[in-house]
N, C-alpha and C. Protein backbone atom coordinates (compact mmCIF):
# COMPACT_ATOMS: atom_id res chain seq x y z
N MET A 1 97.74 -4.45 2.39
CA MET A 1 96.67 -5.87 3.63
C MET A 1 94.92 -5.58 3.54
N LEU A 2 94.19 -6.52 3.18
CA LEU A 2 93.00 -6.04 4.01
C LEU A 2 92.31 -6.71 4.78
N GLU A 3 91.38 -7.02 5.56
CA GLU A 3 91.10 -8.13 6.47
C GLU A 3 89.87 -7.48 6.17
N ARG A 4 88.94 -8.87 5.53
CA ARG A 4 87.24 -8.52 5.64
C ARG A 4 86.39 -8.91 6.64
N TRP A 5 85.21 -8.38 6.71
CA TRP A 5 84.25 -9.58 8.05
C TRP A 5 82.97 -9.27 6.78
N GLY A 6 82.27 -9.80 6.77
CA GLY A 6 80.47 -9.38 6.50
C GLY A 6 80.91 -9.39 4.52
N GLY A 7 81.47 -9.65 3.96
CA GLY A 7 81.48 -9.03 2.85
C GLY A 7 82.13 -7.68 3.00
N MET A 8 82.83 -6.66 3.88
CA MET A 8 83.44 -5.74 3.78
C MET A 8 84.80 -5.54 4.87
N ILE A 9 84.92 -4.59 4.34
CA ILE A 9 87.00 -4.39 4.45
C ILE A 9 86.69 -4.62 5.92
N ARG A 10 87.46 -4.64 6.59
CA ARG A 10 87.66 -4.19 8.01
C ARG A 10 88.67 -3.05 8.38
N LYS A 11 89.78 -3.94 7.76
CA LYS A 11 91.11 -3.14 8.04
C LYS A 11 91.88 -3.15 6.60
N ILE A 12 92.15 -2.13 6.54
CA ILE A 12 93.63 -2.15 5.46
C ILE A 12 95.13 -1.01 5.17
N LYS A 13 95.96 -1.61 5.08
CA LYS A 13 97.11 -1.01 5.00
C LYS A 13 97.47 -0.13 4.56
N ILE A 14 97.51 1.52 4.02
CA ILE A 14 97.99 2.28 3.26
C ILE A 14 99.20 2.48 3.60
N ASP A 15 100.26 2.13 2.61
CA ASP A 15 102.01 3.13 2.65
C ASP A 15 102.43 1.94 3.84
N THR A 16 102.19 2.38 5.22
CA THR A 16 102.59 1.43 6.54
C THR A 16 101.79 2.26 7.07
N VAL A 17 100.46 2.84 7.10
CA VAL A 17 99.27 3.60 7.91
C VAL A 17 98.13 1.91 7.96
N THR A 18 97.87 1.22 8.98
CA THR A 18 97.18 0.49 9.09
C THR A 18 95.78 1.06 9.65
N TYR A 19 94.40 1.14 9.01
CA TYR A 19 93.40 2.17 9.14
C TYR A 19 92.12 0.73 9.70
N ASP A 20 91.23 1.04 10.57
CA ASP A 20 90.80 0.25 10.83
C ASP A 20 89.30 1.00 9.91
N ILE A 21 87.98 0.14 9.83
CA ILE A 21 87.25 0.74 9.06
C ILE A 21 86.10 0.20 9.27
N GLU A 22 85.40 1.80 9.51
CA GLU A 22 83.97 1.44 10.22
C GLU A 22 82.51 2.14 9.89
N VAL A 23 81.31 0.96 9.53
CA VAL A 23 80.42 0.97 9.27
C VAL A 23 79.62 1.91 10.28
N THR A 24 78.76 2.83 9.92
CA THR A 24 78.11 3.06 11.09
C THR A 24 77.12 4.33 10.94
N ALA A 25 76.01 4.66 11.74
CA ALA A 25 74.69 4.75 11.74
C ALA A 25 75.14 6.45 12.50
N GLU A 26 75.81 6.29 12.85
CA GLU A 26 76.00 8.07 13.15
C GLU A 26 76.31 8.73 11.65
N VAL A 27 75.73 10.12 12.32
CA VAL A 27 75.57 11.36 10.85
C VAL A 27 77.52 11.48 11.14
N ILE A 28 77.50 11.22 9.89
CA ILE A 28 79.63 11.60 9.80
C ILE A 28 79.34 13.03 8.91
N ILE A 29 79.80 14.31 9.85
CA ILE A 29 80.23 14.93 9.69
C ILE A 29 81.50 15.88 9.57
N VAL A 30 81.99 16.50 7.82
CA VAL A 30 83.10 16.64 8.22
C VAL A 30 83.07 18.46 7.28
N ASP A 31 83.90 19.46 8.40
CA ASP A 31 84.16 20.91 7.48
C ASP A 31 82.33 21.24 7.99
N GLY A 32 81.43 20.70 8.36
CA GLY A 32 80.50 21.09 8.52
C GLY A 32 79.21 20.41 7.37
N ARG A 33 79.68 19.71 7.05
CA ARG A 33 78.97 19.02 5.54
C ARG A 33 78.83 17.63 5.77
N GLU A 34 77.23 16.82 5.97
CA GLU A 34 77.13 15.55 5.98
C GLU A 34 78.03 14.70 5.15
N CYS A 35 78.69 14.02 4.94
CA CYS A 35 79.20 13.42 4.63
C CYS A 35 79.09 11.38 4.01
N LYS A 36 78.93 10.54 3.18
CA LYS A 36 79.00 9.46 3.17
C LYS A 36 79.75 8.59 3.71
N GLY A 37 81.13 9.41 3.95
CA GLY A 37 82.54 8.73 4.37
C GLY A 37 83.34 9.75 4.62
N SER A 38 84.19 8.98 5.88
CA SER A 38 85.39 9.73 6.28
C SER A 38 86.69 9.03 6.58
N ILE A 39 87.67 9.65 6.59
CA ILE A 39 88.72 9.88 7.37
C ILE A 39 89.42 10.77 8.33
N ALA A 40 90.53 9.85 9.32
CA ALA A 40 90.18 10.57 10.32
C ALA A 40 91.78 9.85 10.95
N TYR A 41 93.04 10.81 10.26
CA TYR A 41 94.56 10.50 10.25
C TYR A 41 95.25 10.26 11.41
N ASP A 42 94.31 11.22 12.39
CA ASP A 42 94.72 10.31 13.93
C ASP A 42 94.42 9.90 14.41
N GLU A 43 93.56 9.29 14.49
CA GLU A 43 92.35 8.27 14.96
C GLU A 43 92.75 6.96 13.57
N ASN A 44 93.70 7.51 12.65
CA ASN A 44 93.57 5.69 11.54
C ASN A 44 92.28 5.03 11.13
N LYS A 45 91.88 5.60 11.29
CA LYS A 45 89.93 5.12 11.09
C LYS A 45 89.15 6.10 10.26
N ILE A 46 88.91 4.92 9.28
CA ILE A 46 87.69 5.04 8.00
C ILE A 46 86.50 5.11 9.02
N ARG A 47 85.53 6.40 8.12
CA ARG A 47 83.71 5.28 8.59
C ARG A 47 83.53 5.83 7.59
N ILE A 48 82.45 4.51 7.08
CA ILE A 48 81.41 4.70 5.92
C ILE A 48 80.21 4.90 6.57
N SER A 49 78.34 5.16 5.78
CA SER A 49 78.10 5.74 7.16
C SER A 49 76.56 4.14 6.40
N SER A 50 76.01 3.69 7.54
CA SER A 50 75.32 2.59 7.40
C SER A 50 74.49 3.05 6.36
N SER A 51 73.70 4.27 6.24
CA SER A 51 72.58 4.92 5.53
C SER A 51 72.50 4.74 3.85
N ILE A 52 73.95 4.21 3.29
CA ILE A 52 73.94 4.44 2.14
C ILE A 52 74.22 3.01 1.32
N GLY A 53 74.17 2.33 -0.04
CA GLY A 53 73.79 0.65 -0.04
C GLY A 53 74.80 0.44 -0.42
N ALA A 54 75.20 -1.26 -0.57
CA ALA A 54 76.41 -1.18 -0.61
C ALA A 54 77.32 -0.83 -2.34
N GLY A 55 76.59 -0.51 -3.43
CA GLY A 55 77.53 -0.12 -4.22
C GLY A 55 78.17 1.68 -3.94
N GLN A 56 77.19 1.92 -3.36
CA GLN A 56 77.71 3.22 -2.45
C GLN A 56 78.74 2.80 -1.84
N ALA A 57 78.84 1.86 -0.84
CA ALA A 57 79.75 1.93 -0.11
C ALA A 57 80.75 2.13 0.07
N LYS A 58 81.03 1.21 -1.09
CA LYS A 58 82.49 0.81 -1.70
C LYS A 58 82.76 1.77 -3.02
N VAL A 59 82.13 2.25 -3.42
CA VAL A 59 82.47 3.43 -4.01
C VAL A 59 83.44 4.91 -2.63
N THR A 60 82.89 4.89 -1.74
CA THR A 60 82.82 5.80 -1.05
C THR A 60 83.95 5.07 -0.27
N LEU A 61 84.07 4.19 0.10
CA LEU A 61 85.26 3.51 0.46
C LEU A 61 86.51 3.57 -0.38
N MET A 62 86.50 3.60 -1.68
CA MET A 62 87.73 3.71 -2.43
C MET A 62 87.98 5.18 -2.54
N HIS A 63 86.73 6.40 -2.25
CA HIS A 63 86.60 7.69 -1.90
C HIS A 63 88.17 7.53 -0.96
N GLU A 64 87.76 7.72 -0.21
CA GLU A 64 88.38 7.33 0.81
C GLU A 64 89.72 7.07 1.71
N ILE A 65 90.23 5.84 1.09
CA ILE A 65 91.04 5.46 0.14
C ILE A 65 92.21 6.35 -0.08
N MET A 66 91.71 6.34 -1.55
CA MET A 66 92.76 7.68 -1.97
C MET A 66 92.88 8.64 -1.33
N HIS A 67 92.14 9.28 0.00
CA HIS A 67 92.95 10.66 0.87
C HIS A 67 93.55 9.85 1.81
N GLY A 68 93.95 9.06 1.86
CA GLY A 68 94.86 7.71 2.92
C GLY A 68 96.23 7.87 1.47
N ALA A 69 96.00 7.92 0.48
CA ALA A 69 97.03 7.44 -0.46
C ALA A 69 98.00 8.74 -0.40
């Protein structure tokens, strides 16, 4: 299941879990490193940095989806 807004996916169902997708201006830190995106399994949320371009955002979203698979 995909739900879109403004050309960007807003929700995605991976197996039995639905994740909210959030584009954020906040710095994303994972294991002490700044990242372009992250997946929070406990919150069912994927976050993508707004500081990257549209093409890189799509690649980053696919990367985070693979973590959820």
